[in-house]
PDB file of N, CA and C in Angstrom:
ATOM      1  N   MET A   1     101.632 247.361  18.756  1.00  0.00           N
ATOM      2  CA  MET A   1     102.295 247.997  17.648  1.00  0.00           C
ATOM      3  C   MET A   1     101.528 247.770  16.347  1.00  0.00           C
ATOM      4  N   ALA A   2     101.025 246.562  16.142  1.00  0.00           N
ATOM      5  CA  ALA A   2     100.250 246.266  14.937  1.00  0.00           C
ATOM      6  C   ALA A   2      98.978 247.107  14.914  1.00  0.00           C
ATOM      7  N   GLU A   3      98.476 247.390  16.100  1.00  0.00           N
ATOM      8  CA  GLU A   3      97.252 248.179  16.176  1.00  0.00           C
ATOM      9  C   GLU A   3      97.484 249.610  15.689  1.00  0.00           C
ATOM     10  N   VAL A   4      98.637 250.179  15.988  1.00  0.00           N
ATOM     11  CA  VAL A   4      98.947 251.538  15.565  1.00  0.00           C
ATOM     12  C   VAL A   4      99.071 251.601  14.043  1.00  0.00           C
ATOM     13  N   ILE A   5      99.745 250.612  13.446  1.00  0.00           N
ATOM     14  CA  ILE A   5      99.885 250.579  11.995  1.00  0.00           C
ATOM     15  C   ILE A   5      98.515 250.409  11.351  1.00  0.00           C
ATOM     16  N   GLY A   6      97.730 249.480  11.895  1.00  0.00           N
ATOM     17  CA  GLY A   6      96.376 249.274  11.381  1.00  0.00           C
ATOM     18  C   GLY A   6      95.524 250.513  11.568  1.00  0.00           C
ATOM     19  N   GLY A   7      95.753 251.226  12.682  1.00  0.00           N
ATOM     20  CA  GLY A   7      95.010 252.446  12.936  1.00  0.00           C
ATOM     21  C   GLY A   7      95.306 253.511  11.904  1.00  0.00           C
ATOM     22  N   SER A   8      96.561 253.652  11.525  1.00  0.00           N
ATOM     23  CA  SER A   8      96.948 254.625  10.507  1.00  0.00           C
ATOM     24  C   SER A   8      96.322 254.283   9.161  1.00  0.00           C
ATOM     25  N   SER A   9      96.350 253.008   8.831  1.00  0.00           N
ATOM     26  CA  SER A   9      95.743 252.558   7.580  1.00  0.00           C
ATOM     27  C   SER A   9      94.234 252.792   7.608  1.00  0.00           C
ATOM     28  N   SER A  10      93.659 252.553   8.772  1.00  0.00           N
ATOM     29  CA  SER A  10      92.221 252.740   8.928  1.00  0.00           C
ATOM     30  C   SER A  10      91.843 254.213   8.760  1.00  0.00           C
ATOM     31  N   VAL A  11      92.683 255.102   9.293  1.00  0.00           N
ATOM     32  CA  VAL A  11      92.419 256.536   9.164  1.00  0.00           C
ATOM     33  C   VAL A  11      92.479 256.944   7.694  1.00  0.00           C
ATOM     34  N   LYS A  12      93.473 256.449   6.960  1.00  0.00           N
ATOM     35  CA  LYS A  12      93.577 256.753   5.534  1.00  0.00           C
ATOM     36  C   LYS A  12      92.356 256.239   4.778  1.00  0.00           C
ATOM     37  N   TYR A  13      91.923 255.024   5.131  1.00  0.00           N
ATOM     38  CA  TYR A  13      90.762 254.423   4.480  1.00  0.00           C
ATOM     39  C   TYR A  13      89.512 255.269   4.720  1.00  0.00           C
ATOM     40  N   HIS A  14      89.311 255.670   5.985  1.00  0.00           N
ATOM     41  CA  HIS A  14      88.126 256.461   6.315  1.00  0.00           C
ATOM     42  C   HIS A  14      88.206 257.865   5.718  1.00  0.00           C
ATOM     43  N   SER A  15      89.408 258.434   5.648  1.00  0.00           N
ATOM     44  CA  SER A  15      89.570 259.748   5.020  1.00  0.00           C
ATOM     45  C   SER A  15      89.217 259.676   3.541  1.00  0.00           C
ATOM     46  N   ARG A  16      89.667 258.608   2.904  1.00  0.00           N
ATOM     47  CA  ARG A  16      89.376 258.432   1.481  1.00  0.00           C
ATOM     48  C   ARG A  16      87.869 258.256   1.256  1.00  0.00           C
ATOM     49  N   ARG A  17      87.233 257.470   2.119  1.00  0.00           N
ATOM     50  CA  ARG A  17      85.782 257.267   2.006  1.00  0.00           C
ATOM     51  C   ARG A  17      85.029 258.572   2.233  1.00  0.00           C
ATOM     52  N   LEU A  18      85.489 259.350   3.206  1.00  0.00           N
ATOM     53  CA  LEU A  18      84.855 260.631   3.486  1.00  0.00           C
ATOM     54  C   LEU A  18      85.017 261.577   2.292  1.00  0.00           C
ATOM     55  N   TYR A  19      86.197 261.587   1.695  1.00  0.00           N
ATOM     56  CA  TYR A  19      86.442 262.402   0.503  1.00  0.00           C
ATOM     57  C   TYR A  19      85.523 261.963  -0.635  1.00  0.00           C
ATOM     58  N   ASN A  20      85.416 260.657  -0.866  1.00  0.00           N
ATOM     59  CA  ASN A  20      84.540 260.142  -1.924  1.00  0.00           C
ATOM     60  C   ASN A  20      83.087 260.523  -1.666  1.00  0.00           C
ATOM     61  N   LEU A  21      82.670 260.451  -0.420  1.00  0.00           N
ATOM     62  CA  LEU A  21      81.306 260.841  -0.063  1.00  0.00           C
ATOM     63  C   LEU A  21      81.092 262.333  -0.337  1.00  0.00           C
ATOM     64  N   TYR A  22      82.065 263.142   0.023  1.00  0.00           N
ATOM     65  CA  TYR A  22      81.990 264.578  -0.226  1.00  0.00           C
ATOM     66  C   TYR A  22      81.842 264.863  -1.725  1.00  0.00           C
ATOM     67  N   VAL A  23      82.684 264.242  -2.539  1.00  0.00           N
ATOM     68  CA  VAL A  23      82.625 264.440  -3.989  1.00  0.00           C
ATOM     69  C   VAL A  23      81.269 263.994  -4.527  1.00  0.00           C
ATOM     70  N   PHE A  24      80.777 262.866  -4.048  1.00  0.00           N
ATOM     71  CA  PHE A  24      79.479 262.358  -4.492  1.00  0.00           C
ATOM     72  C   PHE A  24      78.361 263.351  -4.163  1.00  0.00           C
ATOM     73  N   VAL A  25      78.357 263.883  -2.956  1.00  0.00           N
ATOM     74  CA  VAL A  25      77.312 264.826  -2.546  1.00  0.00           C
ATOM     75  C   VAL A  25      77.386 266.106  -3.380  1.00  0.00           C
ATOM     76  N   VAL A  26      78.588 266.601  -3.627  1.00  0.00           N
ATOM     77  CA  VAL A  26      78.741 267.811  -4.442  1.00  0.00           C
ATOM     78  C   VAL A  26      78.215 267.571  -5.852  1.00  0.00           C
ATOM     79  N   LEU A  27      78.583 266.446  -6.446  1.00  0.00           N
ATOM     80  CA  LEU A  27      78.102 266.131  -7.792  1.00  0.00           C
ATOM     81  C   LEU A  27      76.589 265.938  -7.810  1.00  0.00           C
ATOM     82  N   LEU A  28      76.051 265.360  -6.759  1.00  0.00           N
ATOM     83  CA  LEU A  28      74.607 265.175  -6.657  1.00  0.00           C
ATOM     84  C   LEU A  28      73.889 266.523  -6.613  1.00  0.00           C
ATOM     85  N   ILE A  29      74.419 267.445  -5.845  1.00  0.00           N
ATOM     86  CA  ILE A  29      73.813 268.777  -5.749  1.00  0.00           C
ATOM     87  C   ILE A  29      73.894 269.502  -7.089  1.00  0.00           C
ATOM     88  N   ILE A  30      75.040 269.419  -7.745  1.00  0.00           N
ATOM     89  CA  ILE A  30      75.192 270.053  -9.059  1.00  0.00           C
ATOM     90  C   ILE A  30      74.234 269.422 -10.065  1.00  0.00           C
ATOM     91  N   GLY A  31      74.154 268.101 -10.051  1.00  0.00           N
ATOM     92  CA  GLY A  31      73.250 267.396 -10.957  1.00  0.00           C
ATOM     93  C   GLY A  31      71.805 267.766 -10.716  1.00  0.00           C
ATOM     94  N   TYR A  32      71.421 267.902  -9.461  1.00  0.00           N
ATOM     95  CA  TYR A  32      70.054 268.287  -9.136  1.00  0.00           C
ATOM     96  C   TYR A  32      69.749 269.679  -9.691  1.00  0.00           C
ATOM     97  N   GLY A  33      70.721 270.580  -9.609  1.00  0.00           N
ATOM     98  CA  GLY A  33      70.529 271.927 -10.144  1.00  0.00           C
ATOM     99  C   GLY A  33      70.281 271.907 -11.638  1.00  0.00           C
ATOM    100  N   PHE A  34      71.044 271.090 -12.371  1.00  0.00           N
ATOM    101  CA  PHE A  34      70.836 270.982 -13.814  1.00  0.00           C
ATOM    102  C   PHE A  34      69.507 270.315 -14.126  1.00  0.00           C
ATOM    103  N   PHE A  35      69.132 269.315 -13.335  1.00  0.00           N
ATOM    104  CA  PHE A  35      67.863 268.624 -13.530  1.00  0.00           C
ATOM    105  C   PHE A  35      66.713 269.591 -13.304  1.00  0.00           C
ATOM    106  N   ASP A  36      66.816 270.391 -12.262  1.00  0.00           N
ATOM    107  CA  ASP A  36      65.776 271.366 -11.955  1.00  0.00           C
ATOM    108  C   ASP A  36      65.677 272.404 -13.065  1.00  0.00           C
ATOM    109  N   LEU A  37      66.817 272.821 -13.589  1.00  0.00           N
ATOM    110  CA  LEU A  37      66.815 273.778 -14.687  1.00  0.00           C
ATOM    111  C   LEU A  37      66.155 273.191 -15.923  1.00  0.00           C
ATOM    112  N   ALA A  38      66.420 271.931 -16.177  1.00  0.00           N
ATOM    113  CA  ALA A  38      65.847 271.283 -17.355  1.00  0.00           C
ATOM    114  C   ALA A  38      64.337 271.146 -17.247  1.00  0.00           C
ATOM    115  N   LEU A  39      63.833 271.021 -16.030  1.00  0.00           N
ATOM    116  CA  LEU A  39      62.398 270.854 -15.840  1.00  0.00           C
ATOM    117  C   LEU A  39      61.648 272.176 -15.730  1.00  0.00           C
ATOM    118  N   SER A  40      62.358 273.257 -15.518  1.00  0.00           N
ATOM    119  CA  SER A  40      61.681 274.532 -15.349  1.00  0.00           C
ATOM    120  C   SER A  40      61.125 275.025 -16.685  1.00  0.00           C
ATOM    121  N   GLN A  41      60.113 275.850 -16.580  1.00  0.00           N
ATOM    122  CA  GLN A  41      59.463 276.371 -17.785  1.00  0.00           C
ATOM    123  C   GLN A  41      60.387 277.354 -18.474  1.00  0.00           C
ATOM    124  N   ARG A  42      60.581 277.155 -19.757  1.00  0.00           N
ATOM    125  CA  ARG A  42      61.473 278.016 -20.523  1.00  0.00           C
ATOM    126  C   ARG A  42      60.709 278.947 -21.449  1.00  0.00           C
ATOM    127  N   LEU A  43      59.413 278.842 -21.475  1.00  0.00           N
ATOM    128  CA  LEU A  43      58.582 279.684 -22.335  1.00  0.00           C
ATOM    129  C   LEU A  43      58.222 280.959 -21.571  1.00  0.00           C
ATOM    130  N   PRO A  44      58.414 282.139 -22.168  1.00  0.00           N
ATOM    131  CA  PRO A  44      58.075 283.391 -21.476  1.00  0.00           C
ATOM    132  C   PRO A  44      56.599 283.421 -21.067  1.00  0.00           C
ATOM    133  N   ASP A  45      56.329 284.084 -19.957  1.00  0.00           N
ATOM    134  CA  ASP A  45      54.963 284.157 -19.421  1.00  0.00           C
ATOM    135  C   ASP A  45      53.975 284.747 -20.425  1.00  0.00           C
ATOM    136  N   VAL A  46      54.406 285.713 -21.209  1.00  0.00           N
ATOM    137  CA  VAL A  46      53.519 286.336 -22.206  1.00  0.00           C
ATOM    138  C   VAL A  46      53.044 285.292 -23.212  1.00  0.00           C
ATOM    139  N   GLU A  47      53.946 284.407 -23.625  1.00  0.00           N
ATOM    140  CA  GLU A  47      53.560 283.381 -24.594  1.00  0.00           C
ATOM    141  C   GLU A  47      52.690 282.303 -23.948  1.00  0.00           C
ATOM    142  N   VAL A  48      52.935 282.015 -22.672  1.00  0.00           N
ATOM    143  CA  VAL A  48      52.077 281.060 -21.957  1.00  0.00           C
ATOM    144  C   VAL A  48      50.662 281.614 -21.866  1.00  0.00           C
ATOM    145  N   GLU A  49      50.539 282.906 -21.554  1.00  0.00           N
ATOM    146  CA  GLU A  49      49.217 283.537 -21.475  1.00  0.00           C
ATOM    147  C   GLU A  49      48.520 283.513 -22.831  1.00  0.00           C
ATOM    148  N   ALA A  50      49.256 283.775 -23.892  1.00  0.00           N
ATOM    149  CA  ALA A  50      48.663 283.750 -25.237  1.00  0.00           C
ATOM    150  C   ALA A  50      48.190 282.343 -25.586  1.00  0.00           C
ATOM    151  N   LEU A  51      48.993 281.336 -25.278  1.00  0.00           N
ATOM    152  CA  LEU A  51      48.588 279.949 -25.552  1.00  0.00           C
ATOM    153  C   LEU A  51      47.369 279.552 -24.731  1.00  0.00           C
ATOM    154  N   THR A  52      47.304 280.036 -23.503  1.00  0.00           N
ATOM    155  CA  THR A  52      46.146 279.740 -22.652  1.00  0.00           C
ATOM    156  C   THR A  52      44.879 280.336 -23.258  1.00  0.00           C
ATOM    157  N   GLU A  53      44.962 281.547 -23.764  1.00  0.00           N
ATOM    158  CA  GLU A  53      43.802 282.180 -24.414  1.00  0.00           C
ATOM    159  C   GLU A  53      43.412 281.436 -25.690  1.00  0.00           C
ATOM    160  N   ILE A  54      44.394 281.013 -26.467  1.00  0.00           N
ATOM    161  CA  ILE A  54      44.109 280.240 -27.681  1.00  0.00           C
ATOM    162  C   ILE A  54      43.429 278.927 -27.318  1.00  0.00           C
ATOM    163  N   ALA A  55      43.911 278.282 -26.261  1.00  0.00           N
ATOM    164  CA  ALA A  55      43.316 277.014 -25.821  1.00  0.00           C
ATOM    165  C   ALA A  55      41.866 277.216 -25.391  1.00  0.00           C
ATOM    166  N   LYS A  56      41.586 278.320 -24.691  1.00  0.00           N
ATOM    167  CA  LYS A  56      40.207 278.615 -24.284  1.00  0.00           C
ATOM    168  C   LYS A  56      39.318 278.819 -25.508  1.00  0.00           C
ATOM    169  N   THR A  57      39.824 279.570 -26.487  1.00  0.00           N
ATOM    170  CA  THR A  57      39.056 279.829 -27.706  1.00  0.00           C
ATOM    171  C   THR A  57      38.759 278.533 -28.455  1.00  0.00           C
ATOM    172  N   LEU A  58      39.734 277.644 -28.494  1.00  0.00           N
ATOM    173  CA  LEU A  58      39.568 276.364 -29.192  1.00  0.00           C
ATOM    174  C   LEU A  58      38.872 275.303 -28.332  1.00  0.00           C
ATOM    175  N   LYS A  59      38.542 275.694 -27.083  1.00  0.00           N
ATOM    176  CA  LYS A  59      37.913 274.778 -26.120  1.00  0.00           C
ATOM    177  C   LYS A  59      38.771 273.529 -25.889  1.00  0.00           C
ATOM    178  N   LYS A  60      40.077 273.766 -25.805  1.00  0.00           N
ATOM    179  CA  LYS A  60      41.034 272.691 -25.527  1.00  0.00           C
ATOM    180  C   LYS A  60      41.313 272.690 -24.025  1.00  0.00           C
ATOM    181  N   HIS A  61      40.478 271.978 -23.275  1.00  0.00           N
ATOM    182  CA  HIS A  61      40.593 271.968 -21.821  1.00  0.00           C
ATOM    183  C   HIS A  61      41.758 271.111 -21.332  1.00  0.00           C
ATOM    184  N   ASP A  62      42.303 270.270 -22.196  1.00  0.00           N
ATOM    185  CA  ASP A  62      43.417 269.416 -21.790  1.00  0.00           C
ATOM    186  C   ASP A  62      44.770 270.124 -21.934  1.00  0.00           C
ATOM    187  N   TRP A  63      44.776 271.339 -22.437  1.00  0.00           N
ATOM    188  CA  TRP A  63      46.015 272.108 -22.526  1.00  0.00           C
ATOM    189  C   TRP A  63      46.153 272.946 -21.255  1.00  0.00           C
ATOM    190  N   ASP A  64      47.014 272.545 -20.365  1.00  0.00           N
ATOM    191  CA  ASP A  64      47.229 273.277 -19.116  1.00  0.00           C
ATOM    192  C   ASP A  64      48.681 273.739 -19.079  1.00  0.00           C
ATOM    193  N   PHE A  65      48.927 274.921 -19.563  1.00  0.00           N
ATOM    194  CA  PHE A  65      50.288 275.426 -19.678  1.00  0.00           C
ATOM    195  C   PHE A  65      50.846 275.927 -18.356  1.00  0.00           C
ATOM    196  N   ALA A  66      49.994 276.078 -17.350  1.00  0.00           N
ATOM    197  CA  ALA A  66      50.482 276.485 -16.038  1.00  0.00           C
ATOM    198  C   ALA A  66      51.226 275.340 -15.354  1.00  0.00           C
ATOM    199  N   LYS A  67      50.870 274.104 -15.700  1.00  0.00           N
ATOM    200  CA  LYS A  67      51.487 272.940 -15.053  1.00  0.00           C
ATOM    201  C   LYS A  67      52.609 272.320 -15.865  1.00  0.00           C
ATOM    202  N   SER A  68      52.568 272.474 -17.174  1.00  0.00           N
ATOM    203  CA  SER A  68      53.601 271.841 -17.994  1.00  0.00           C
ATOM    204  C   SER A  68      54.064 272.784 -19.093  1.00  0.00           C
ATOM    205  N   ASP A  69      55.294 272.638 -19.460  1.00  0.00           N
ATOM    206  CA  ASP A  69      55.880 273.458 -20.512  1.00  0.00           C
ATOM    207  C   ASP A  69      55.471 272.884 -21.860  1.00  0.00           C
ATOM    208  N   PRO A  70      54.729 273.616 -22.674  1.00  0.00           N
ATOM    209  CA  PRO A  70      54.290 273.082 -23.966  1.00  0.00           C
ATOM    210  C   PRO A  70      55.453 272.770 -24.905  1.00  0.00           C
ATOM    211  N   CYS A  71      56.613 273.328 -24.626  1.00  0.00           N
ATOM    212  CA  CYS A  71      57.784 273.051 -25.473  1.00  0.00           C
ATOM    213  C   CYS A  71      58.433 271.714 -25.124  1.00  0.00           C
ATOM    214  N   ASN A  72      58.070 271.133 -24.003  1.00  0.00           N
ATOM    215  CA  ASN A  72      58.653 269.861 -23.582  1.00  0.00           C
ATOM    216  C   ASN A  72      57.735 268.676 -23.825  1.00  0.00           C
ATOM    217  N   THR A  73      56.640 268.871 -24.531  1.00  0.00           N
ATOM    218  CA  THR A  73      55.703 267.777 -24.763  1.00  0.00           C
ATOM    219  C   THR A  73      55.170 267.852 -26.194  1.00  0.00           C
ATOM    220  N   THR A  74      54.801 266.718 -26.723  1.00  0.00           N
ATOM    221  CA  THR A  74      54.209 266.691 -28.063  1.00  0.00           C
ATOM    222  C   THR A  74      52.690 266.601 -27.993  1.00  0.00           C
ATOM    223  N   ALA A  75      52.141 266.518 -26.801  1.00  0.00           N
ATOM    224  CA  ALA A  75      50.702 266.331 -26.636  1.00  0.00           C
ATOM    225  C   ALA A  75      49.904 267.569 -27.029  1.00  0.00           C
ATOM    226  N   THR A  76      50.526 268.733 -27.072  1.00  0.00           N
ATOM    227  CA  THR A  76      49.788 269.966 -27.342  1.00  0.00           C
ATOM    228  C   THR A  76      49.880 270.424 -28.786  1.00  0.00           C
ATOM    229  N   ASP A  77      50.651 269.764 -29.597  1.00  0.00           N
ATOM    230  CA  ASP A  77      50.858 270.168 -30.991  1.00  0.00           C
ATOM    231  C   ASP A  77      51.439 271.569 -31.110  1.00  0.00           C
ATOM    232  N   VAL A  78      52.191 271.981 -30.121  1.00  0.00           N
ATOM    233  CA  VAL A  78      52.876 273.264 -30.136  1.00  0.00           C
ATOM    234  C   VAL A  78      54.341 272.989 -30.441  1.00  0.00           C
ATOM    235  N   THR A  79      54.892 273.715 -31.410  1.00  0.00           N
ATOM    236  CA  THR A  79      56.320 273.567 -31.699  1.00  0.00           C
ATOM    237  C   THR A  79      57.053 274.818 -31.244  1.00  0.00           C
ATOM    238  N   CYS A  80      58.248 274.604 -30.737  1.00  0.00           N
ATOM    239  CA  CYS A  80      59.032 275.699 -30.180  1.00  0.00           C
ATOM    240  C   CYS A  80      60.457 275.653 -30.708  1.00  0.00           C
ATOM    241  N   THR A  81      61.093 276.796 -30.647  1.00  0.00           N
ATOM    242  CA  THR A  81      62.522 276.893 -30.903  1.00  0.00           C
ATOM    243  C   THR A  81      63.163 277.353 -29.601  1.00  0.00           C
ATOM    244  N   CYS A  82      64.122 276.570 -29.131  1.00  0.00           N
ATOM    245  CA  CYS A  82      64.745 276.854 -27.829  1.00  0.00           C
ATOM    246  C   CYS A  82      66.216 277.221 -27.984  1.00  0.00           C
ATOM    247  N   THR A  83      66.534 278.026 -28.963  1.00  0.00           N
ATOM    248  CA  THR A  83      67.923 278.388 -29.218  1.00  0.00           C
ATOM    249  C   THR A  83      68.266 279.779 -28.694  1.00  0.00           C
ATOM    250  N   PHE A  84      67.414 280.348 -27.887  1.00  0.00           N
ATOM    251  CA  PHE A  84      67.630 281.692 -27.372  1.00  0.00           C
ATOM    252  C   PHE A  84      68.295 281.647 -26.002  1.00  0.00           C
ATOM    253  N   SER A  85      69.124 282.614 -25.713  1.00  0.00           N
ATOM    254  CA  SER A  85      69.790 282.758 -24.405  1.00  0.00           C
ATOM    255  C   SER A  85      70.450 281.463 -23.961  1.00  0.00           C
ATOM    256  N   GLY A  86      71.223 280.864 -24.818  1.00  0.00           N
ATOM    257  CA  GLY A  86      71.933 279.635 -24.457  1.00  0.00           C
ATOM    258  C   GLY A  86      71.012 278.460 -24.214  1.00  0.00           C
ATOM    259  N   ASN A  87      69.957 278.353 -24.988  1.00  0.00           N
ATOM    260  CA  ASN A  87      68.967 277.268 -24.892  1.00  0.00           C
ATOM    261  C   ASN A  87      68.196 277.270 -23.574  1.00  0.00           C
ATOM    262  N   THR A  88      68.096 278.412 -22.929  1.00  0.00           N
ATOM    263  CA  THR A  88      67.333 278.484 -21.684  1.00  0.00           C
ATOM    264  C   THR A  88      65.971 279.139 -21.876  1.00  0.00           C
ATOM    265  N   VAL A  89      65.746 279.739 -23.046  1.00  0.00           N
ATOM    266  CA  VAL A  89      64.465 280.388 -23.344  1.00  0.00           C
ATOM    267  C   VAL A  89      63.945 279.841 -24.665  1.00  0.00           C
ATOM    268  N   CYS A  90      62.653 279.527 -24.688  1.00  0.00           N
ATOM    269  CA  CYS A  90      62.011 279.024 -25.907  1.00  0.00           C
ATOM    270  C   CYS A  90      60.973 280.035 -26.392  1.00  0.00           C
ATOM    271  N   HIS A  91      60.647 279.926 -27.669  1.00  0.00           N
ATOM    272  CA  HIS A  91      59.560 280.722 -28.243  1.00  0.00           C
ATOM    273  C   HIS A  91      58.723 279.812 -29.129  1.00  0.00           C
ATOM    274  N   VAL A  92      57.416 280.024 -29.105  1.00  0.00           N
ATOM    275  CA  VAL A  92      56.505 279.235 -29.931  1.00  0.00           C
ATOM    276  C   VAL A  92      56.731 279.613 -31.389  1.00  0.00           C
ATOM    277  N   THR A  93      56.888 278.588 -32.227  1.00  0.00           N
ATOM    278  CA  THR A  93      57.101 278.838 -33.658  1.00  0.00           C
ATOM    279  C   THR A  93      55.992 278.244 -34.514  1.00  0.00           C
ATOM    280  N   GLY A  94      55.116 277.455 -33.916  1.00  0.00           N
ATOM    281  CA  GLY A  94      54.026 276.887 -34.695  1.00  0.00           C
ATOM    282  C   GLY A  94      53.054 276.122 -33.832  1.00  0.00           C
ATOM    283  N   MET A  95      51.864 275.912 -34.426  1.00  0.00           N
ATOM    284  CA  MET A  95      50.826 275.130 -33.744  1.00  0.00           C
ATOM    285  C   MET A  95      50.178 274.213 -34.753  1.00  0.00           C
TER     286      MET A  95
END
């Protein structure tokens, strides 16, 4: 008889743990989506191409805009405004 009561309690415990695991995985997936969005390039391709041409003209070989978003780093001396389309698109405003 004690085993049946303990079994019921055990089922509740495992159900709760399974629910917590489910919530954790869902939040992890959502968080990963936001993290991926934050890391994606927000500068339009036309502006990336223009910056690449400017870098070639200035012989700035350390500016590689294909690999990194110039709006997310201070190493390129490029300034951007990212207030377009709900902060998902940036535009170069200065160099």
